[in-house]
Each structure stands twice: as C-alpha cells, then as structure tokens.
C-alpha atoms as a PDB file:
ATOM      1  CA  MET A   1     -34.369  38.561  16.977  1.00  0.00           C
ATOM      2  CA  SER A   2     -32.210  36.034  15.165  1.00  0.00           C
ATOM      3  CA  LYS A   3     -33.572  34.250  12.122  1.00  0.00           C
ATOM      4  CA  ILE A   4     -33.622  30.894  13.895  1.00  0.00           C
ATOM      5  CA  SER A   5     -35.578  32.155  16.913  1.00  0.00           C
ATOM      6  CA  SER A   6     -38.087  34.111  14.823  1.00  0.00           C
ATOM      7  CA  ASN A   7     -38.465  31.181  12.417  1.00  0.00           C
ATOM      8  CA  ILE A   8     -39.234  28.737  15.231  1.00  0.00           C
ATOM      9  CA  LYS A   9     -41.841  31.086  16.669  1.00  0.00           C
ATOM     10  CA  PHE A  10     -43.494  31.800  13.306  1.00  0.00           C
ATOM     11  CA  LEU A  11     -43.581  28.174  12.169  1.00  0.00           C
ATOM     12  CA  ARG A  12     -44.859  26.946  15.527  1.00  0.00           C
ATOM     13  CA  LYS A  13     -47.729  29.438  15.466  1.00  0.00           C
ATOM     14  CA  LYS A  14     -48.462  28.625  11.831  1.00  0.00           C
ATOM     15  CA  LYS A  15     -49.028  25.017  12.894  1.00  0.00           C
ATOM     16  CA  GLY A  16     -51.373  26.265  15.623  1.00  0.00           C
ATOM     17  CA  LEU A  17     -49.278  24.816  18.454  1.00  0.00           C
ATOM     18  CA  THR A  18     -48.678  26.170  21.922  1.00  0.00           C
ATOM     19  CA  GLN A  19     -45.114  26.037  23.236  1.00  0.00           C
ATOM     20  CA  GLN A  20     -46.053  22.986  25.324  1.00  0.00           C
ATOM     21  CA  GLN A  21     -47.688  21.170  22.401  1.00  0.00           C
ATOM     22  CA  PHE A  22     -44.718  21.928  20.186  1.00  0.00           C
ATOM     23  CA  ALA A  23     -42.261  20.755  22.860  1.00  0.00           C
ATOM     24  CA  ASP A  24     -44.174  17.501  23.281  1.00  0.00           C
ATOM     25  CA  GLN A  25     -44.206  16.793  19.537  1.00  0.00           C
ATOM     26  CA  VAL A  26     -40.483  17.419  18.975  1.00  0.00           C
ATOM     27  CA  GLY A  27     -39.402  15.820  22.262  1.00  0.00           C
ATOM     28  CA  ILE A  28     -37.888  18.739  24.176  1.00  0.00           C
ATOM     29  CA  LYS A  29     -38.783  20.704  27.318  1.00  0.00           C
ATOM     30  CA  ARG A  30     -41.201  23.616  27.037  1.00  0.00           C
ATOM     31  CA  SER A  31     -38.674  25.866  28.774  1.00  0.00           C
ATOM     32  CA  LEU A  32     -36.267  25.225  25.897  1.00  0.00           C
ATOM     33  CA  VAL A  33     -38.847  26.354  23.358  1.00  0.00           C
ATOM     34  CA  GLY A  34     -39.192  29.635  25.227  1.00  0.00           C
ATOM     35  CA  ALA A  35     -35.420  30.009  25.444  1.00  0.00           C
ATOM     36  CA  TYR A  36     -35.027  29.437  21.712  1.00  0.00           C
ATOM     37  CA  GLU A  37     -37.801  31.837  20.745  1.00  0.00           C
ATOM     38  CA  GLU A  38     -36.517  34.541  23.115  1.00  0.00           C
ATOM     39  CA  GLU A  39     -32.871  34.138  21.956  1.00  0.00           C
ATOM     40  CA  ARG A  40     -31.702  32.998  25.380  1.00  0.00           C
ATOM     41  CA  ALA A  41     -30.349  29.803  23.812  1.00  0.00           C
ATOM     42  CA  GLU A  42     -29.732  28.375  20.364  1.00  0.00           C
ATOM     43  CA  PRO A  43     -30.560  24.815  19.264  1.00  0.00           C
ATOM     44  CA  LYS A  44     -27.657  22.467  18.556  1.00  0.00           C
ATOM     45  CA  TYR A  45     -27.225  21.316  14.998  1.00  0.00           C
ATOM     46  CA  GLU A  46     -28.819  17.891  15.456  1.00  0.00           C
ATOM     47  CA  LEU A  47     -31.943  19.510  16.911  1.00  0.00           C
ATOM     48  CA  LEU A  48     -31.978  22.082  14.088  1.00  0.00           C
ATOM     49  CA  LYS A  49     -32.105  19.217  11.596  1.00  0.00           C
ATOM     50  CA  SER A  50     -34.995  17.634  13.490  1.00  0.00           C
ATOM     51  CA  LEU A  51     -36.881  20.921  13.625  1.00  0.00           C
ATOM     52  CA  ALA A  52     -36.373  21.552   9.907  1.00  0.00           C
ATOM     53  CA  LEU A  53     -37.720  18.058   9.210  1.00  0.00           C
ATOM     54  CA  PHE A  54     -40.671  18.677  11.525  1.00  0.00           C
ATOM     55  CA  PHE A  55     -41.553  21.902   9.675  1.00  0.00           C
ATOM     56  CA  ASP A  56     -40.851  20.277   6.281  1.00  0.00           C
ATOM     57  CA  ILE A  57     -38.329  22.889   5.118  1.00  0.00           C
ATOM     58  CA  SER A  58     -34.650  22.712   4.210  1.00  0.00           C
ATOM     59  CA  ILE A  59     -32.203  23.303   7.037  1.00  0.00           C
ATOM     60  CA  ASP A  60     -30.490  25.951   4.885  1.00  0.00           C
ATOM     61  CA  ASP A  61     -33.721  27.968   4.675  1.00  0.00           C
ATOM     62  CA  PHE A  62     -34.458  27.336   8.349  1.00  0.00           C
ATOM     63  CA  ILE A  63     -31.097  28.826   9.395  1.00  0.00           C
ATOM     64  CA  ASN A  64     -30.491  31.513   6.784  1.00  0.00           C
ATOM     65  CA  GLU A  65     -33.906  32.770   5.594  1.00  0.00           C
ATOM     66  CA  THR A  66     -36.420  35.014   7.322  1.00  0.00           C
ATOM     67  CA  ILE A  67     -39.550  32.840   7.233  1.00  0.00           C
ATOM     68  CA  ASP A  68     -42.795  34.782   7.361  1.00  0.00           C
ATOM     69  CA  GLU A  69     -46.050  35.096   5.425  1.00  0.00           C
ATOM     70  CA  LYS A  70     -44.177  36.342   2.340  1.00  0.00           C
ATOM     71  CA  TRP A  71     -41.594  33.541   2.375  1.00  0.00           C
ATOM     72  CA  ALA A  72     -41.651  30.740  -0.182  1.00  0.00           C
ATOM     73  CA  PRO A  73     -39.220  27.789  -0.580  1.00  0.00           C
ATOM     74  CA  LYS A  74     -36.563  28.362  -3.211  1.00  0.00           C
ATOM     75  CA  PRO A  75     -36.500  26.185  -6.312  1.00  0.00           C
ATOM     76  CA  LYS A  76     -33.717  23.652  -6.206  1.00  0.00           C
ATOM     77  CA  GLY A  77     -31.649  22.024  -8.903  1.00  0.00           C
ATOM     78  CA  ASN A  78     -32.656  18.991 -10.935  1.00  0.00           C
ATOM     79  CA  PRO A  79     -34.847  16.978  -8.497  1.00  0.00           C
ATOM     80  CA  ALA A  80     -33.549  13.719  -9.945  1.00  0.00           C
ATOM     81  CA  ASN A  81     -30.053  14.612  -8.764  1.00  0.00           C
ATOM     82  CA  LEU A  82     -30.862  15.917  -5.296  1.00  0.00           C
ATOM     83  CA  ARG A  83     -29.579  13.814  -2.403  1.00  0.00           C
ATOM     84  CA  VAL A  84     -29.666  14.170   1.367  1.00  0.00           C
ATOM     85  CA  LEU A  85     -26.409  15.881   2.327  1.00  0.00           C
ATOM     86  CA  SER A  86     -24.317  13.869   4.752  1.00  0.00           C
ATOM     87  CA  ILE A  87     -22.417  15.834   7.377  1.00  0.00           C
ATOM     88  CA  SER A  88     -20.531  15.195  10.625  1.00  0.00           C
ATOM     89  CA  VAL A  89     -20.103  17.223  13.817  1.00  0.00           C
ATOM     90  CA  ASP A  90     -17.367  17.389  16.462  1.00  0.00           C
ATOM     91  CA  LYS A  91     -17.721  16.804  20.214  1.00  0.00           C
ATOM     92  CA  ASP A  92     -18.954  20.385  20.704  1.00  0.00           C
ATOM     93  CA  ASP A  93     -21.635  19.936  18.021  1.00  0.00           C
ATOM     94  CA  ASN A  94     -19.771  22.152  15.552  1.00  0.00           C
ATOM     95  CA  GLU A  95     -20.277  21.046  11.970  1.00  0.00           C
ATOM     96  CA  ASN A  96     -17.028  19.663  10.543  1.00  0.00           C
ATOM     97  CA  ILE A  97     -15.417  20.619   7.260  1.00  0.00           C
ATOM     98  CA  GLU A  98     -14.668  17.284   5.601  1.00  0.00           C
ATOM     99  CA  LEU A  99     -11.612  17.140   3.337  1.00  0.00           C
ATOM    100  CA  VAL A 100     -11.778  15.251   0.044  1.00  0.00           C
ATOM    101  CA  PRO A 101      -8.106  14.681  -0.912  1.00  0.00           C
ATOM    102  CA  LEU A 102      -7.062  13.810  -4.463  1.00  0.00           C
ATOM    103  CA  LYS A 103      -6.831  10.104  -3.691  1.00  0.00           C
ATOM    104  CA  ALA A 104     -10.450  10.134  -2.478  1.00  0.00           C
ATOM    105  CA  SER A 105     -11.920  12.095  -5.404  1.00  0.00           C
ATOM    106  CA  ALA A 106     -12.975   9.031  -7.386  1.00  0.00           C
ATOM    107  CA  GLY A 107     -14.579   7.371  -4.379  1.00  0.00           C
ATOM    108  CA  TYR A 108     -16.425  10.572  -3.489  1.00  0.00           C
ATOM    109  CA  LEU A 109     -18.738  10.125  -6.484  1.00  0.00           C
ATOM    110  CA  ASN A 110     -20.104   6.954  -4.911  1.00  0.00           C
ATOM    111  CA  GLY A 111     -19.821   7.941  -1.256  1.00  0.00           C
ATOM    112  CA  TYR A 112     -20.807  11.610  -1.077  1.00  0.00           C
ATOM    113  CA  ALA A 113     -24.324  10.713   0.118  1.00  0.00           C
ATOM    114  CA  ASP A 114     -23.173   7.901   2.435  1.00  0.00           C
ATOM    115  CA  PRO A 115     -22.927   9.078   6.087  1.00  0.00           C
ATOM    116  CA  GLU A 116     -20.332   6.410   6.916  1.00  0.00           C
ATOM    117  CA  TYR A 117     -18.127   7.421   3.978  1.00  0.00           C
ATOM    118  CA  VAL A 118     -18.369  11.120   4.851  1.00  0.00           C
ATOM    119  CA  ALA A 119     -17.657  10.402   8.528  1.00  0.00           C
ATOM    120  CA  ALA A 120     -14.447   8.594   7.542  1.00  0.00           C
ATOM    121  CA  LEU A 121     -13.040  11.562   5.596  1.00  0.00           C
ATOM    122  CA  PRO A 122     -10.359  13.752   7.228  1.00  0.00           C
ATOM    123  CA  LYS A 123     -12.036  16.682   8.915  1.00  0.00           C
ATOM    124  CA  PHE A 124     -11.312  19.999  10.576  1.00  0.00           C
ATOM    125  CA  TYR A 125     -13.167  23.024  11.950  1.00  0.00           C
ATOM    126  CA  LEU A 126     -12.727  26.732  11.158  1.00  0.00           C
ATOM    127  CA  PRO A 127     -14.556  29.118  13.509  1.00  0.00           C
ATOM    128  CA  MET A 128     -15.080  31.775  10.806  1.00  0.00           C
ATOM    129  CA  PHE A 129     -17.426  29.398   8.973  1.00  0.00           C
ATOM    130  CA  LYS A 130     -20.310  29.177  11.429  1.00  0.00           C
ATOM    131  CA  GLN A 131     -23.343  29.324   9.146  1.00  0.00           C
ATOM    132  CA  GLY A 132     -23.815  26.933   6.251  1.00  0.00           C
ATOM    133  CA  THR A 133     -22.291  23.578   5.366  1.00  0.00           C
ATOM    134  CA  TYR A 134     -18.715  23.435   4.069  1.00  0.00           C
ATOM    135  CA  ARG A 135     -16.460  20.844   2.469  1.00  0.00           C
ATOM    136  CA  ALA A 136     -12.851  21.042   1.298  1.00  0.00           C
ATOM    137  CA  PHE A 137     -11.566  19.640  -1.991  1.00  0.00           C
ATOM    138  CA  GLU A 138      -7.975  19.197  -3.119  1.00  0.00           C
ATOM    139  CA  ILE A 139      -7.643  20.244  -6.758  1.00  0.00           C
ATOM    140  CA  LYS A 140      -5.182  19.007  -9.359  1.00  0.00           C
ATOM    141  CA  GLY A 141      -3.723  20.347 -12.588  1.00  0.00           C
ATOM    142  CA  ASP A 142      -2.968  23.876 -13.733  1.00  0.00           C
ATOM    143  CA  SER A 143      -6.322  24.847 -15.258  1.00  0.00           C
ATOM    144  CA  MET A 144      -7.035  27.372 -12.483  1.00  0.00           C
ATOM    145  CA  LEU A 145      -3.683  29.136 -12.248  1.00  0.00           C
ATOM    146  CA  PRO A 146      -2.453  30.993 -10.269  1.00  0.00           C
ATOM    147  CA  LEU A 147      -3.894  28.430  -7.830  1.00  0.00           C
ATOM    148  CA  GLN A 148      -1.487  25.509  -7.990  1.00  0.00           C
ATOM    149  CA  SER A 149      -2.225  21.800  -8.152  1.00  0.00           C
ATOM    150  CA  GLY A 150      -2.705  20.550  -4.605  1.00  0.00           C
ATOM    151  CA  THR A 151      -4.512  23.686  -3.420  1.00  0.00           C
ATOM    152  CA  ILE A 152      -7.450  22.963  -1.133  1.00  0.00           C
ATOM    153  CA  ILE A 153     -10.676  24.791  -1.972  1.00  0.00           C
ATOM    154  CA  ILE A 154     -13.183  25.288   0.850  1.00  0.00           C
ATOM    155  CA  GLY A 155     -16.678  25.358  -0.603  1.00  0.00           C
ATOM    156  CA  GLU A 156     -20.098  26.143   0.850  1.00  0.00           C
ATOM    157  CA  TYR A 157     -22.866  23.739  -0.099  1.00  0.00           C
ATOM    158  CA  GLN A 158     -25.027  25.224  -2.859  1.00  0.00           C
ATOM    159  CA  GLU A 159     -28.474  23.809  -2.197  1.00  0.00           C
ATOM    160  CA  ASN A 160     -30.225  26.125  -4.639  1.00  0.00           C
ATOM    161  CA  TRP A 161     -28.487  25.694  -8.006  1.00  0.00           C
ATOM    162  CA  ALA A 162     -30.454  28.606  -9.450  1.00  0.00           C
ATOM    163  CA  GLU A 163     -28.193  30.862  -7.350  1.00  0.00           C
ATOM    164  CA  VAL A 164     -25.079  29.870  -9.303  1.00  0.00           C
ATOM    165  CA  LYS A 165     -23.689  33.106 -10.768  1.00  0.00           C
ATOM    166  CA  ALA A 166     -21.673  33.553 -13.939  1.00  0.00           C
ATOM    167  CA  GLY A 167     -18.059  34.488 -13.250  1.00  0.00           C
ATOM    168  CA  GLU A 168     -17.896  33.021  -9.744  1.00  0.00           C
ATOM    169  CA  THR A 169     -15.917  29.910  -8.821  1.00  0.00           C
ATOM    170  CA  TYR A 170     -17.374  26.613  -7.633  1.00  0.00           C
ATOM    171  CA  VAL A 171     -16.430  23.010  -7.044  1.00  0.00           C
ATOM    172  CA  PHE A 172     -18.677  21.002  -9.362  1.00  0.00           C
ATOM    173  CA  ILE A 173     -19.300  17.313  -8.678  1.00  0.00           C
ATOM    174  CA  SER A 174     -20.541  15.519 -11.787  1.00  0.00           C
ATOM    175  CA  LYS A 175     -21.034  11.941 -12.933  1.00  0.00           C
ATOM    176  CA  ASN A 176     -18.661  12.239 -15.897  1.00  0.00           C
ATOM    177  CA  ASP A 177     -15.981  14.721 -14.742  1.00  0.00           C
ATOM    178  CA  GLY A 178     -15.843  13.961 -11.036  1.00  0.00           C
ATOM    179  CA  VAL A 179     -14.541  16.789  -8.848  1.00  0.00           C
ATOM    180  CA  VAL A 180     -13.582  19.944 -10.770  1.00  0.00           C
ATOM    181  CA  TYR A 181     -12.942  23.525  -9.701  1.00  0.00           C
ATOM    182  CA  LYS A 182     -14.075  26.039 -12.345  1.00  0.00           C
ATOM    183  CA  ARG A 183     -15.823  29.327 -12.970  1.00  0.00           C
ATOM    184  CA  ALA A 184     -19.444  29.225 -14.000  1.00  0.00           C
ATOM    185  CA  GLY A 185     -19.781  30.646 -17.505  1.00  0.00           C
ATOM    186  CA  ASN A 186     -23.529  31.191 -17.182  1.00  0.00           C
ATOM    187  CA  LYS A 187     -26.363  30.869 -14.677  1.00  0.00           C
ATOM    188  CA  PHE A 188     -27.793  27.427 -14.030  1.00  0.00           C
ATOM    189  CA  ARG A 189     -31.015  26.726 -15.886  1.00  0.00           C
ATOM    190  CA  GLU A 190     -33.137  23.586 -15.774  1.00  0.00           C
ATOM    191  CA  ASN A 191     -32.560  21.343 -18.814  1.00  0.00           C
ATOM    192  CA  LYS A 192     -29.803  23.672 -20.076  1.00  0.00           C
ATOM    193  CA  LYS A 193     -26.064  23.149 -20.273  1.00  0.00           C
ATOM    194  CA  LEU A 194     -23.761  24.886 -17.801  1.00  0.00           C
ATOM    195  CA  LYS A 195     -20.513  26.303 -19.177  1.00  0.00           C
ATOM    196  CA  LEU A 196     -17.392  25.703 -17.059  1.00  0.00           C
ATOM    197  CA  VAL A 197     -14.471  28.089 -17.543  1.00  0.00           C
ATOM    198  CA  SER A 198     -10.815  27.742 -16.507  1.00  0.00           C
ATOM    199  CA  ASP A 199      -8.752  30.724 -15.317  1.00  0.00           C
ATOM    200  CA  ASN A 200      -5.831  29.405 -17.364  1.00  0.00           C
ATOM    201  CA  PRO A 201      -6.585  30.562 -20.947  1.00  0.00           C
ATOM    202  CA  VAL A 202      -4.775  27.513 -22.339  1.00  0.00           C
ATOM    203  CA  TYR A 203      -7.844  25.458 -21.407  1.00  0.00           C
ATOM    204  CA  GLU A 204     -10.979  25.908 -23.491  1.00  0.00           C
ATOM    205  CA  PRO A 205     -14.359  26.293 -21.738  1.00  0.00           C
ATOM    206  CA  TYR A 206     -16.672  23.317 -21.969  1.00  0.00           C
ATOM    207  CA  GLU A 207     -20.293  22.552 -21.200  1.00  0.00           C
ATOM    208  CA  ILE A 208     -21.888  20.064 -18.847  1.00  0.00           C
ATOM    209  CA  ASN A 209     -25.450  18.782 -18.775  1.00  0.00           C
ATOM    210  CA  GLY A 210     -27.473  19.726 -15.708  1.00  0.00           C
ATOM    211  CA  GLU A 211     -28.604  16.150 -15.181  1.00  0.00           C
ATOM    212  CA  ASP A 212     -24.954  15.096 -14.826  1.00  0.00           C
ATOM    213  CA  LEU A 213     -24.408  17.367 -11.814  1.00  0.00           C
ATOM    214  CA  LEU A 214     -24.485  15.807  -8.361  1.00  0.00           C
ATOM    215  CA  GLU A 215     -23.358  18.635  -6.064  1.00  0.00           C
ATOM    216  CA  ILE A 216     -22.219  22.257  -6.318  1.00  0.00           C
ATOM    217  CA  TRP A 217     -20.025  23.956  -3.705  1.00  0.00           C
ATOM    218  CA  LYS A 218     -19.435  27.726  -3.873  1.00  0.00           C
ATOM    219  CA  ALA A 219     -15.737  28.545  -3.328  1.00  0.00           C
ATOM    220  CA  LYS A 220     -15.281  30.587  -0.142  1.00  0.00           C
ATOM    221  CA  ALA A 221     -11.569  30.201   0.685  1.00  0.00           C
ATOM    222  CA  TYR A 222      -8.471  28.203  -0.180  1.00  0.00           C
ATOM    223  CA  ILE A 223      -5.474  26.674   1.573  1.00  0.00           C
ATOM    224  CA  SER A 224      -2.176  26.405  -0.270  1.00  0.00           C
ATOM    225  CA  THR A 225       1.392  25.433   0.591  1.00  0.00           C
ATOM    226  CA  GLN A 226       2.596  27.689  -2.248  1.00  0.00           C
ATOM    227  CA  MET A 227       3.566  31.005  -0.691  1.00  0.00           C
ATOM    228  CA  PRO A 228       3.060  34.228  -2.693  1.00  0.00           C
ATOM    229  CA  GLN A 229       6.035  35.239  -4.814  1.00  0.00           C
ATOM    230  CA  PRO A 230       7.550  38.749  -4.609  1.00  0.00           C
ATOM    231  CA  MET A 231       6.560  41.266  -7.246  1.00  0.00           C
ATOM    232  CA  PRO A 232       8.986  41.213 -10.210  1.00  0.00           C
ATOM    233  CA  GLU A 233      11.376  44.101 -10.758  1.00  0.00           C
ATOM    234  CA  PRO A 234       9.787  46.737 -13.008  1.00  0.00           C
ATOM    235  CA  THR A 235      11.008  46.767 -16.609  1.00  0.00           C
ATOM    236  CA  MET A 236      11.369  49.780 -18.868  1.00  0.00           C
ATOM    237  CA  GLU A 237       8.296  48.594 -20.755  1.00  0.00           C
ATOM    238  CA  SER A 238       6.162  48.375 -17.608  1.00  0.00           C
ATOM    239  CA  LEU A 239       7.388  51.782 -16.394  1.00  0.00           C
ATOM    240  CA  THR A 240       6.531  53.334 -19.746  1.00  0.00           C
ATOM    241  CA  SER A 241       3.061  51.814 -19.595  1.00  0.00           C
ATOM    242  CA  MET A 242       2.545  53.132 -16.049  1.00  0.00           C
ATOM    243  CA  MET A 243       3.627  56.628 -17.069  1.00  0.00           C
ATOM    244  CA  ALA A 244       1.283  56.600 -20.061  1.00  0.00           C
ATOM    245  CA  GLN A 245      -1.598  55.519 -17.805  1.00  0.00           C
ATOM    246  CA  MET A 246      -0.811  58.311 -15.336  1.00  0.00           C
ATOM    247  CA  GLN A 247      -0.712  60.872 -18.144  1.00  0.00           C
ATOM    248  CA  ARG A 248      -4.104  59.713 -19.416  1.00  0.00           C
ATOM    249  CA  SER A 249      -5.559  59.908 -15.907  1.00  0.00           C
ATOM    250  CA  ILE A 250      -4.209  63.428 -15.391  1.00  0.00           C
ATOM    251  CA  ALA A 251      -5.569  64.500 -18.767  1.00  0.00           C
ATOM    252  CA  ASN A 252      -9.004  63.113 -17.878  1.00  0.00           C
ATOM    253  CA  LEU A 253      -8.998  64.977 -14.563  1.00  0.00           C
ATOM    254  CA  GLN A 254      -8.018  68.252 -16.237  1.00  0.00           C
ATOM    255  CA  GLY A 255     -10.700  67.770 -18.869  1.00  0.00           C
ATOM    256  CA  ASN A 256     -13.365  67.356 -16.183  1.00  0.00           C
ATOM    257  CA  ASN A 257     -12.390  70.594 -14.403  1.00  0.00           C
END
C-alpha cells in the first residue's frame, strides 16, 4: 500500500469517520475515498493539499511519511520565519518547477510567499521529480567552482530545517544575503548560527543567524551550459604520483596476505 493511501485510511479512522462521512466533509464522492484507500487511484495535488489541511498535517508528511500510531510531526525551523509555500501546477496537475533567474533574485525575497509572484515565474516540469516540491535558482559568481556562474540549481523544498546536514549543498534564502548556493558547515540548530561554506577555497566560510533564514532548498540537480572539459594530458609529476600510489597499494595487499 502506498504511503498516501495508507495515510488517508489511518487518519480517517483516527477521526472516527466512515468513508461516507469523510467524503461528505471533504467534498468528494465516497467511491473516490475507496479508490484512494485501495490504491486504485491517487488524489491530484490540489486535493492532497485540502486533505492535508483537513487532517492538520504538512503536505510533505502526508505524502512522504508513514503515518501510524508511532508517527509524530517533525520539528520545523524557526516558527517566526515559516511561511506557506506557494506553488503552481500545469494543466495535468503536475507541480511545476519555478525558475528564479538572476534578475529575479532580489524580488524573490519579497515575493517568495506570494502566489501571484510565484505563478509569474518561468516554469518547467521534469518527470524524474515526482515527489516533493522543487524550485530552480540561477547562481552567480565563482564561489562554488567547478559550477560556473549562471548554473541553475534545482532544489527540493526543505520543510524541516533540522534535517540540514553538514557537508551537503543547499540554496539558502535569507533576509541579508538573498539567494546563495553553499554547503552547510554544520547542522541547523534553533537559536544557533549556521555556517555556510564555499567549494572555492578562495572564499572564507561565514555564519548566518537562523532567524535570518527564510527558505532552504536541498540541491538535487543542476543545469549548465558549460560542457565538461576533457581530462588534461598526464604530466611526469602526475604519472610519478600514480606509480607511487600503485606501489603503496600493492605493498598493502602483500602485507595483508
């Protein structure tokens, strides 16, 4: 049974509702409730949002978590900074990936929670990203080399900031720095500073206050017009280093026999 179908069935029963009572309260046919719970159909995204609201849980948990007697809502980031995430869907009810180009980065700080602003952004759909909410951000500068300025980072919405992991890359939206693509230098902690690290060692890590953060998007893929360059011709120095490494490996193998 899929998570969505089992979650609907569990949460409906927890509220003490029959399929007909539940259908009446959410405004759908009883036959649809049965189809959803038996995995003969899957709710469209707009209905999923309504159902999550009806059960008073986040849509992320509703779709991705197994909700049972042992389940508990995850702690989120700073409650003062949490906003309702605005999204858009295409004609087939697939959730769009909105693109925030460089020229829109400044305006995104004011419009990220505005449905009309988000709906006006360029958008596209990638079938490999079916679960979760995604947004694309064009980055600038050379702080994350080898990714070049102009690369587009596709990020998955990070609802639970406590899941931010040190060493992984994210798009951080903050009041002071705007849109930046960095590695997390440490896990997110309430009322603690988060260290942001560049891949380019020329740039020093810096810290950001948790209350300054607006959104976090976990990097899942990137789009670049810069094609990979061929491997450079080996030099005598690199060949010597490779030979030395091979000799050490052989010696280690012989020593273990």
